[in-house]
C-alpha atoms as a PDB file:
ATOM      1  CA  UNK A   1      17.843-134.493  33.174  1.00  0.00           C
ATOM      2  CA  UNK A   2      18.289-136.675  30.133  1.00  0.00           C
ATOM      3  CA  UNK A   3      20.468-139.677  29.451  1.00  0.00           C
ATOM      4  CA  UNK A   4      22.322-140.283  26.206  1.00  0.00           C
ATOM      5  CA  UNK A   5      22.767-143.670  24.604  1.00  0.00           C
ATOM      6  CA  UNK A   6      26.538-143.526  24.361  1.00  0.00           C
ATOM      7  CA  UNK A   7      27.363-142.371  27.880  1.00  0.00           C
ATOM      8  CA  UNK A   8      26.189-141.609  31.366  1.00  0.00           C
ATOM      9  CA  UNK A   9      26.372-137.848  30.762  1.00  0.00           C
ATOM     10  CA  UNK A  10      23.362-135.771  31.692  1.00  0.00           C
ATOM     11  CA  UNK A  11      21.922-132.457  30.727  1.00  0.00           C
ATOM     12  CA  UNK A  12      21.111-130.847  34.036  1.00  0.00           C
ATOM     13  CA  UNK A  13      18.728-128.167  35.116  1.00  0.00           C
ATOM     14  CA  UNK A  14      18.408-126.945  38.666  1.00  0.00           C
ATOM     15  CA  UNK A  15      19.200-124.315  41.242  1.00  0.00           C
ATOM     16  CA  UNK A  16      22.327-122.762  42.719  1.00  0.00           C
ATOM     17  CA  UNK A  17      24.365-124.636  45.250  1.00  0.00           C
ATOM     18  CA  UNK A  18      24.117-123.315  48.803  1.00  0.00           C
ATOM     19  CA  UNK A  19      26.532-120.504  49.490  1.00  0.00           C
ATOM     20  CA  UNK A  20      27.170-119.598  45.856  1.00  0.00           C
ATOM     21  CA  UNK A  21      27.078-115.863  45.216  1.00  0.00           C
ATOM     22  CA  UNK A  22      25.091-114.550  42.291  1.00  0.00           C
ATOM     23  CA  UNK A  23      27.035-112.621  39.674  1.00  0.00           C
ATOM     24  CA  UNK A  24      25.271-110.024  37.580  1.00  0.00           C
ATOM     25  CA  UNK A  25      24.823-111.142  34.001  1.00  0.00           C
ATOM     26  CA  UNK A  26      24.592-108.682  31.093  1.00  0.00           C
ATOM     27  CA  UNK A  27      21.710-110.809  29.743  1.00  0.00           C
ATOM     28  CA  UNK A  28      19.599-111.067  32.865  1.00  0.00           C
ATOM     29  CA  UNK A  29      18.707-107.374  33.206  1.00  0.00           C
ATOM     30  CA  UNK A  30      18.454-107.757  36.958  1.00  0.00           C
ATOM     31  CA  UNK A  31      16.355-110.895  36.988  1.00  0.00           C
ATOM     32  CA  UNK A  32      17.493-113.035  39.916  1.00  0.00           C
ATOM     33  CA  UNK A  33      15.943-116.141  38.357  1.00  0.00           C
ATOM     34  CA  UNK A  34      18.055-115.930  35.196  1.00  0.00           C
ATOM     35  CA  UNK A  35      21.128-114.961  37.183  1.00  0.00           C
ATOM     36  CA  UNK A  36      20.644-118.012  39.400  1.00  0.00           C
ATOM     37  CA  UNK A  37      20.253-120.319  36.395  1.00  0.00           C
ATOM     38  CA  UNK A  38      23.349-118.937  34.685  1.00  0.00           C
ATOM     39  CA  UNK A  39      25.383-119.194  37.883  1.00  0.00           C
ATOM     40  CA  UNK A  40      24.198-122.751  38.444  1.00  0.00           C
ATOM     41  CA  UNK A  41      25.302-123.669  34.903  1.00  0.00           C
ATOM     42  CA  UNK A  42      28.720-122.134  35.557  1.00  0.00           C
ATOM     43  CA  UNK A  43      28.942-123.908  38.933  1.00  0.00           C
ATOM     44  CA  UNK A  44      28.274-127.273  37.255  1.00  0.00           C
ATOM     45  CA  UNK A  45      30.821-126.578  34.503  1.00  0.00           C
ATOM     46  CA  UNK A  46      33.443-125.716  37.127  1.00  0.00           C
ATOM     47  CA  UNK A  47      32.882-129.213  38.545  1.00  0.00           C
ATOM     48  CA  UNK A  48      33.421-130.818  35.125  1.00  0.00           C
ATOM     49  CA  UNK A  49      29.735-131.569  34.535  1.00  0.00           C
ATOM     50  CA  UNK A  50      28.544-131.624  30.958  1.00  0.00           C
ATOM     51  CA  UNK A  51      25.577-129.291  30.619  1.00  0.00           C
ATOM     52  CA  UNK A  52      23.493-127.602  27.982  1.00  0.00           C
ATOM     53  CA  UNK A  53      22.241-124.160  28.950  1.00  0.00           C
ATOM     54  CA  UNK A  54      20.070-122.022  26.688  1.00  0.00           C
ATOM     55  CA  UNK A  55      19.925-118.310  27.244  1.00  0.00           C
ATOM     56  CA  UNK A  56      16.829-116.503  26.023  1.00  0.00           C
ATOM     57  CA  UNK A  57      18.625-114.986  23.032  1.00  0.00           C
ATOM     58  CA  UNK A  58      20.478-118.144  21.901  1.00  0.00           C
ATOM     59  CA  UNK A  59      19.911-119.166  18.281  1.00  0.00           C
ATOM     60  CA  UNK A  60      19.234-122.766  19.309  1.00  0.00           C
ATOM     61  CA  UNK A  61      16.488-121.624  21.688  1.00  0.00           C
ATOM     62  CA  UNK A  62      13.233-122.051  19.789  1.00  0.00           C
ATOM     63  CA  UNK A  63      11.306-120.157  22.507  1.00  0.00           C
ATOM     64  CA  UNK A  64       9.091-123.225  22.960  1.00  0.00           C
ATOM     65  CA  UNK A  65       9.765-125.838  25.651  1.00  0.00           C
ATOM     66  CA  UNK A  66       8.335-128.719  23.640  1.00  0.00           C
ATOM     67  CA  UNK A  67      10.362-127.841  20.532  1.00  0.00           C
ATOM     68  CA  UNK A  68      13.545-127.367  22.582  1.00  0.00           C
ATOM     69  CA  UNK A  69      13.183-130.733  24.321  1.00  0.00           C
ATOM     70  CA  UNK A  70      12.453-132.556  21.060  1.00  0.00           C
ATOM     71  CA  UNK A  71      15.404-130.825  19.360  1.00  0.00           C
ATOM     72  CA  UNK A  72      17.776-131.836  22.170  1.00  0.00           C
ATOM     73  CA  UNK A  73      16.507-135.436  22.179  1.00  0.00           C
ATOM     74  CA  UNK A  74      17.146-135.726  18.457  1.00  0.00           C
ATOM     75  CA  UNK A  75      20.487-133.894  18.417  1.00  0.00           C
ATOM     76  CA  UNK A  76      22.020-135.831  21.325  1.00  0.00           C
ATOM     77  CA  UNK A  77      20.335-139.211  20.719  1.00  0.00           C
ATOM     78  CA  UNK A  78      18.628-139.131  24.118  1.00  0.00           C
ATOM     79  CA  UNK A  79      17.053-142.386  25.309  1.00  0.00           C
ATOM     80  CA  UNK A  80      15.472-141.258  28.605  1.00  0.00           C
ATOM     81  CA  UNK A  81      13.916-137.962  29.711  1.00  0.00           C
ATOM     82  CA  UNK A  82      13.814-137.301  33.458  1.00  0.00           C
ATOM     83  CA  UNK A  83      12.589-134.264  35.338  1.00  0.00           C
ATOM     84  CA  UNK A  84      11.551-133.031  38.757  1.00  0.00           C
ATOM     85  CA  UNK A  85       7.802-132.554  39.115  1.00  0.00           C
ATOM     86  CA  UNK A  86       7.102-128.838  38.776  1.00  0.00           C
ATOM     87  CA  UNK A  87       5.140-126.829  41.313  1.00  0.00           C
ATOM     88  CA  UNK A  88       3.188-125.020  38.594  1.00  0.00           C
ATOM     89  CA  UNK A  89       0.063-126.723  37.208  1.00  0.00           C
ATOM     90  CA  UNK A  90       0.433-125.368  33.657  1.00  0.00           C
ATOM     91  CA  UNK A  91       4.032-126.598  33.353  1.00  0.00           C
ATOM     92  CA  UNK A  92       3.087-129.935  34.897  1.00  0.00           C
ATOM     93  CA  UNK A  93       0.412-130.522  32.239  1.00  0.00           C
ATOM     94  CA  UNK A  94       2.735-129.303  29.457  1.00  0.00           C
ATOM     95  CA  UNK A  95       5.448-131.776  30.495  1.00  0.00           C
ATOM     96  CA  UNK A  96       2.902-134.617  30.647  1.00  0.00           C
ATOM     97  CA  UNK A  97       1.954-133.883  27.026  1.00  0.00           C
ATOM     98  CA  UNK A  98       5.595-133.633  25.956  1.00  0.00           C
ATOM     99  CA  UNK A  99       6.340-137.035  27.534  1.00  0.00           C
ATOM    100  CA  UNK A 100       3.540-138.592  25.464  1.00  0.00           C
ATOM    101  CA  UNK A 101       4.864-136.979  22.278  1.00  0.00           C
ATOM    102  CA  UNK A 102       8.570-137.813  22.550  1.00  0.00           C
ATOM    103  CA  UNK A 103       8.229-141.617  22.332  1.00  0.00           C
ATOM    104  CA  UNK A 104      11.156-142.371  24.655  1.00  0.00           C
ATOM    105  CA  UNK A 105      11.175-143.470  28.268  1.00  0.00           C
ATOM    106  CA  UNK A 106      10.470-140.721  30.772  1.00  0.00           C
ATOM    107  CA  UNK A 107      10.561-140.583  34.555  1.00  0.00           C
ATOM    108  CA  UNK A 108       9.578-137.964  37.101  1.00  0.00           C
ATOM    109  CA  UNK A 109      10.942-137.286  40.554  1.00  0.00           C
ATOM    110  CA  UNK A 110       8.983-135.699  43.358  1.00  0.00           C
ATOM    111  CA  UNK A 111       9.905-132.238  44.546  1.00  0.00           C
ATOM    112  CA  UNK A 112      11.291-131.621  48.001  1.00  0.00           C
ATOM    113  CA  UNK A 113       9.512-128.250  48.059  1.00  0.00           C
ATOM    114  CA  UNK A 114       6.663-129.685  50.150  1.00  0.00           C
ATOM    115  CA  UNK A 115       6.390-131.779  53.305  1.00  0.00           C
ATOM    116  CA  UNK A 116       4.309-134.459  51.573  1.00  0.00           C
ATOM    117  CA  UNK A 117       4.358-136.176  48.214  1.00  0.00           C
ATOM    118  CA  UNK A 118       1.770-135.193  45.606  1.00  0.00           C
ATOM    119  CA  UNK A 119      -0.392-138.237  46.063  1.00  0.00           C
ATOM    120  CA  UNK A 120      -0.139-138.586  49.834  1.00  0.00           C
ATOM    121  CA  UNK A 121      -3.394-136.835  50.765  1.00  0.00           C
ATOM    122  CA  UNK A 122      -5.396-138.641  48.077  1.00  0.00           C
ATOM    123  CA  UNK A 123      -3.892-141.975  49.108  1.00  0.00           C
ATOM    124  CA  UNK A 124      -4.684-141.296  52.772  1.00  0.00           C
ATOM    125  CA  UNK A 125      -8.347-140.569  52.040  1.00  0.00           C
ATOM    126  CA  UNK A 126      -8.753-143.240  49.343  1.00  0.00           C
ATOM    127  CA  UNK A 127     -12.021-145.130  49.873  1.00  0.00           C
ATOM    128  CA  UNK A 128     -13.236-142.738  52.577  1.00  0.00           C
ATOM    129  CA  UNK A 129     -16.468-140.783  52.113  1.00  0.00           C
ATOM    130  CA  UNK A 130     -15.301-137.585  53.836  1.00  0.00           C
ATOM    131  CA  UNK A 131     -12.096-135.608  53.866  1.00  0.00           C
END
């Protein structure tokens, strides 16, 4: 999610709302992940949310997450970059690097995919000799 200078509009990324049915997309070739993302974008639009959604074949899609984020920040005059902490290590490290490169404020939010927060176990055992 990113915040623009001139408004409180956000560019959102996320998952389908509960109960929404997936519609088959001609671009997804059966991939449930891409179908879910496209349906979520349509669901947000139907609720008058301003979103930016890149499909794989879109001209604006540079096929590189870092380049896409930097392009969007520049194009829309973004002042803050926010995202949910990913579950995948590689993406987590990539986003950390991107946040250092973009030179605007960034903020992360913990995922609700797990029962504990990322740092909870380390905090619990901080200063102890054994786990």
